[in-house]
Amino acid sequence: TCRSVELQTFGLAFREPCPGVRILGEAELAQLYGWLDRYASFELRGPDDRQAMVFGGHGAEIADPGTQQEIWDWMAALAADEASTAAE
């Protein structure tokens, strides 16, 4: 599992220490853009305070805790998906 994920809004996920770049598919981009357009920015920390997520949304709606967790889980799946990397 990659420890760090930096997700660019144009569909590239840079993951450390995993090699390569993860390219988001069409459905993943649609999901991401939907969240970014709908929800305002927020920060979320993991239960052990060793993990954090900064969501840079530009929508007006405040994401409820369930939605924040859904986005967290989606990002965690990107970090765990080491098999789908493209060469740099």
N, C-alpha and C. Protein backbone atom coordinates (compact mmCIF):
# COMPACT_ATOMS: atom_id res chain seq x y z
N THR A 1 0.84 -1.19 0.00
CA THR A 1 0.00 0.00 0.00
C THR A 1 0.87 1.24 0.00
N CYS A 2 0.50 2.19 -0.80
CA CYS A 2 1.22 3.46 -0.85
C CYS A 2 0.86 4.28 0.40
N ARG A 3 1.82 5.01 0.91
CA ARG A 3 1.58 5.78 2.13
C ARG A 3 1.00 7.16 1.86
N SER A 4 1.26 7.72 0.72
CA SER A 4 0.84 9.08 0.43
C SER A 4 0.24 9.13 -0.98
N VAL A 5 -0.86 9.84 -1.12
CA VAL A 5 -1.49 10.00 -2.42
C VAL A 5 -1.74 11.49 -2.65
N GLU A 6 -1.24 12.01 -3.75
CA GLU A 6 -1.57 13.37 -4.17
C GLU A 6 -2.36 13.24 -5.46
N LEU A 7 -3.61 13.62 -5.39
CA LEU A 7 -4.52 13.45 -6.53
C LEU A 7 -4.71 14.79 -7.22
N GLN A 8 -4.35 14.84 -8.48
CA GLN A 8 -4.53 16.05 -9.29
C GLN A 8 -5.92 16.02 -9.93
N THR A 9 -6.54 17.17 -10.07
CA THR A 9 -7.91 17.20 -10.60
C THR A 9 -8.00 16.81 -12.06
N PHE A 10 -6.90 16.74 -12.76
CA PHE A 10 -6.94 16.30 -14.16
C PHE A 10 -6.77 14.80 -14.30
N GLY A 11 -6.70 14.07 -13.15
CA GLY A 11 -6.77 12.62 -13.21
C GLY A 11 -5.51 11.84 -12.96
N LEU A 12 -4.47 12.47 -12.46
CA LEU A 12 -3.25 11.74 -12.12
C LEU A 12 -3.13 11.64 -10.61
N ALA A 13 -2.77 10.44 -10.14
CA ALA A 13 -2.55 10.22 -8.72
C ALA A 13 -1.08 9.86 -8.52
N PHE A 14 -0.37 10.72 -7.82
CA PHE A 14 1.04 10.47 -7.50
C PHE A 14 1.06 9.82 -6.12
N ARG A 15 1.65 8.62 -6.04
CA ARG A 15 1.60 7.84 -4.80
C ARG A 15 3.01 7.50 -4.35
N GLU A 16 3.27 7.70 -3.09
CA GLU A 16 4.59 7.40 -2.51
C GLU A 16 4.44 6.26 -1.52
N PRO A 17 5.35 5.36 -1.44
CA PRO A 17 6.57 5.21 -2.23
C PRO A 17 6.36 4.37 -3.49
N CYS A 18 5.14 4.19 -3.90
CA CYS A 18 4.86 3.36 -5.08
C CYS A 18 5.42 4.00 -6.35
N PRO A 19 5.95 3.18 -7.24
CA PRO A 19 6.49 3.73 -8.49
C PRO A 19 5.36 4.09 -9.46
N GLY A 20 5.66 4.98 -10.37
CA GLY A 20 4.71 5.31 -11.42
C GLY A 20 3.60 6.23 -10.97
N VAL A 21 2.69 6.46 -11.87
CA VAL A 21 1.56 7.36 -11.66
C VAL A 21 0.28 6.59 -11.95
N ARG A 22 -0.70 6.74 -11.11
CA ARG A 22 -2.01 6.10 -11.32
C ARG A 22 -2.88 7.07 -12.12
N ILE A 23 -3.43 6.62 -13.22
CA ILE A 23 -4.29 7.45 -14.06
C ILE A 23 -5.74 7.06 -13.79
N LEU A 24 -6.54 8.03 -13.40
CA LEU A 24 -7.93 7.75 -13.11
C LEU A 24 -8.71 7.46 -14.38
N GLY A 25 -9.65 6.52 -14.27
CA GLY A 25 -10.53 6.21 -15.38
C GLY A 25 -11.68 7.20 -15.47
N GLU A 26 -12.46 7.07 -16.52
CA GLU A 26 -13.57 8.00 -16.77
C GLU A 26 -14.58 8.03 -15.62
N ALA A 27 -14.96 6.87 -15.12
CA ALA A 27 -15.93 6.80 -14.02
C ALA A 27 -15.34 7.40 -12.74
N GLU A 28 -14.05 7.15 -12.50
CA GLU A 28 -13.40 7.72 -11.31
C GLU A 28 -13.34 9.24 -11.40
N LEU A 29 -13.02 9.76 -12.58
CA LEU A 29 -12.99 11.21 -12.76
C LEU A 29 -14.38 11.82 -12.56
N ALA A 30 -15.41 11.17 -13.07
CA ALA A 30 -16.77 11.66 -12.89
C ALA A 30 -17.12 11.72 -11.41
N GLN A 31 -16.73 10.69 -10.66
CA GLN A 31 -16.99 10.67 -9.22
C GLN A 31 -16.25 11.81 -8.53
N LEU A 32 -14.97 11.96 -8.84
CA LEU A 32 -14.16 13.02 -8.23
C LEU A 32 -14.74 14.39 -8.54
N TYR A 33 -15.04 14.66 -9.80
CA TYR A 33 -15.57 15.97 -10.19
C TYR A 33 -16.92 16.25 -9.53
N GLY A 34 -17.73 15.22 -9.39
CA GLY A 34 -19.01 15.39 -8.70
C GLY A 34 -18.81 15.86 -7.27
N TRP A 35 -17.89 15.22 -6.56
CA TRP A 35 -17.59 15.64 -5.18
C TRP A 35 -17.00 17.05 -5.13
N LEU A 36 -16.03 17.33 -6.00
CA LEU A 36 -15.38 18.64 -5.99
C LEU A 36 -16.37 19.77 -6.27
N ASP A 37 -17.30 19.53 -7.19
CA ASP A 37 -18.28 20.56 -7.54
C ASP A 37 -19.34 20.74 -6.45
N ARG A 38 -19.64 19.70 -5.72
CA ARG A 38 -20.73 19.74 -4.75
C ARG A 38 -20.29 20.19 -3.37
N TYR A 39 -19.13 19.71 -2.90
CA TYR A 39 -18.75 19.91 -1.50
C TYR A 39 -17.65 20.95 -1.31
N ALA A 40 -17.74 21.65 -0.19
CA ALA A 40 -16.71 22.61 0.20
C ALA A 40 -15.48 21.86 0.70
N SER A 41 -14.39 22.57 0.81
CA SER A 41 -13.14 21.98 1.31
C SER A 41 -13.31 21.51 2.76
N PHE A 42 -12.59 20.46 3.10
CA PHE A 42 -12.55 19.98 4.48
C PHE A 42 -11.27 19.19 4.69
N GLU A 43 -10.93 19.01 5.96
CA GLU A 43 -9.79 18.16 6.34
C GLU A 43 -10.32 17.06 7.24
N LEU A 44 -9.72 15.89 7.11
CA LEU A 44 -10.13 14.73 7.89
C LEU A 44 -8.88 14.01 8.37
N ARG A 45 -8.88 13.60 9.64
CA ARG A 45 -7.75 12.86 10.21
C ARG A 45 -8.21 11.46 10.57
N GLY A 46 -7.28 10.51 10.43
CA GLY A 46 -7.55 9.14 10.80
C GLY A 46 -7.61 8.99 12.31
N PRO A 47 -8.11 7.85 12.79
CA PRO A 47 -8.28 7.65 14.23
C PRO A 47 -6.97 7.68 15.01
N ASP A 48 -5.87 7.30 14.39
CA ASP A 48 -4.59 7.30 15.10
C ASP A 48 -3.80 8.59 14.86
N ASP A 49 -4.40 9.53 14.14
CA ASP A 49 -3.80 10.83 13.83
C ASP A 49 -2.55 10.72 12.97
N ARG A 50 -2.28 9.55 12.40
CA ARG A 50 -1.12 9.38 11.51
C ARG A 50 -1.51 9.53 10.05
N GLN A 51 -2.78 9.57 9.78
CA GLN A 51 -3.27 9.73 8.41
C GLN A 51 -4.13 10.99 8.36
N ALA A 52 -4.09 11.64 7.22
CA ALA A 52 -4.90 12.84 7.04
C ALA A 52 -5.29 12.97 5.58
N MET A 53 -6.40 13.66 5.35
CA MET A 53 -6.83 13.94 3.99
C MET A 53 -7.27 15.40 3.94
N VAL A 54 -6.80 16.11 2.94
CA VAL A 54 -7.25 17.47 2.67
C VAL A 54 -8.04 17.42 1.37
N PHE A 55 -9.31 17.72 1.46
CA PHE A 55 -10.20 17.70 0.30
C PHE A 55 -10.39 19.14 -0.16
N GLY A 56 -10.00 19.44 -1.38
CA GLY A 56 -10.06 20.80 -1.90
C GLY A 56 -11.27 21.07 -2.76
N GLY A 57 -12.44 20.79 -2.22
CA GLY A 57 -13.66 21.02 -2.98
C GLY A 57 -13.97 22.50 -3.15
N HIS A 58 -14.78 22.83 -4.15
CA HIS A 58 -15.16 24.22 -4.37
C HIS A 58 -16.67 24.40 -4.43
N GLY A 59 -17.39 23.43 -3.88
CA GLY A 59 -18.84 23.53 -3.82
C GLY A 59 -19.29 24.28 -2.58
N ALA A 60 -20.60 24.44 -2.45
CA ALA A 60 -21.17 25.19 -1.33
C ALA A 60 -21.64 24.29 -0.19
N GLU A 61 -21.86 23.02 -0.48
CA GLU A 61 -22.42 22.11 0.52
C GLU A 61 -21.33 21.57 1.44
N ILE A 62 -21.66 21.50 2.73
CA ILE A 62 -20.75 20.89 3.70
C ILE A 62 -20.98 19.38 3.68
N ALA A 63 -19.92 18.63 3.45
CA ALA A 63 -20.03 17.17 3.42
C ALA A 63 -20.30 16.64 4.83
N ASP A 64 -21.32 15.81 4.97
CA ASP A 64 -21.61 15.21 6.27
C ASP A 64 -20.56 14.15 6.58
N PRO A 65 -20.49 13.68 7.83
CA PRO A 65 -19.46 12.70 8.19
C PRO A 65 -19.49 11.43 7.34
N GLY A 66 -20.66 10.97 6.94
CA GLY A 66 -20.75 9.78 6.09
C GLY A 66 -20.14 10.00 4.72
N THR A 67 -20.37 11.18 4.15
CA THR A 67 -19.80 11.52 2.85
C THR A 67 -18.29 11.69 2.95
N GLN A 68 -17.84 12.34 4.02
CA GLN A 68 -16.40 12.48 4.24
C GLN A 68 -15.73 11.11 4.32
N GLN A 69 -16.37 10.18 5.01
CA GLN A 69 -15.83 8.82 5.12
C GLN A 69 -15.82 8.12 3.77
N GLU A 70 -16.86 8.34 2.97
CA GLU A 70 -16.92 7.75 1.62
C GLU A 70 -15.75 8.24 0.76
N ILE A 71 -15.46 9.53 0.82
CA ILE A 71 -14.34 10.08 0.06
C ILE A 71 -13.02 9.56 0.61
N TRP A 72 -12.90 9.47 1.92
CA TRP A 72 -11.71 8.89 2.56
C TRP A 72 -11.47 7.47 2.07
N ASP A 73 -12.52 6.66 2.09
CA ASP A 73 -12.41 5.26 1.66
C ASP A 73 -12.01 5.16 0.19
N TRP A 74 -12.54 6.05 -0.64
CA TRP A 74 -12.22 6.08 -2.06
C TRP A 74 -10.74 6.38 -2.26
N MET A 75 -10.23 7.36 -1.52
CA MET A 75 -8.81 7.70 -1.60
C MET A 75 -7.95 6.54 -1.08
N ALA A 76 -8.39 5.89 -0.01
CA ALA A 76 -7.64 4.75 0.54
C ALA A 76 -7.56 3.63 -0.49
N ALA A 77 -8.63 3.43 -1.25
CA ALA A 77 -8.62 2.41 -2.30
C ALA A 77 -7.60 2.76 -3.38
N LEU A 78 -7.46 4.04 -3.71
CA LEU A 78 -6.43 4.45 -4.67
C LEU A 78 -5.04 4.13 -4.14
N ALA A 79 -4.83 4.37 -2.86
CA ALA A 79 -3.52 4.11 -2.26
C ALA A 79 -3.22 2.62 -2.24
N ALA A 80 -4.24 1.79 -2.08
CA ALA A 80 -4.04 0.35 -1.98
C ALA A 80 -3.94 -0.33 -3.34
N ASP A 81 -4.33 0.36 -4.39
CA ASP A 81 -4.40 -0.22 -5.73
C ASP A 81 -3.07 -0.10 -6.46
N GLU A 82 -2.07 -0.80 -5.96
CA GLU A 82 -0.72 -0.72 -6.52
C GLU A 82 -0.62 -1.32 -7.92
N ALA A 83 -1.53 -2.20 -8.26
CA ALA A 83 -1.43 -2.89 -9.55
C ALA A 83 -1.75 -1.99 -10.73
N SER A 84 -2.40 -0.88 -10.49
CA SER A 84 -2.84 -0.05 -11.61
C SER A 84 -2.01 1.22 -11.74
N THR A 85 -0.72 1.06 -11.87
CA THR A 85 0.15 2.22 -12.08
C THR A 85 0.63 2.23 -13.52
N ALA A 86 0.82 3.41 -14.03
CA ALA A 86 1.41 3.59 -15.35
C ALA A 86 2.84 4.08 -15.15
N ALA A 87 3.70 3.76 -16.05
CA ALA A 87 5.08 4.22 -15.95
C ALA A 87 5.13 5.73 -16.03
N GLU A 88 6.09 6.30 -15.33
CA GLU A 88 6.26 7.76 -15.35
C GLU A 88 6.80 8.21 -16.68
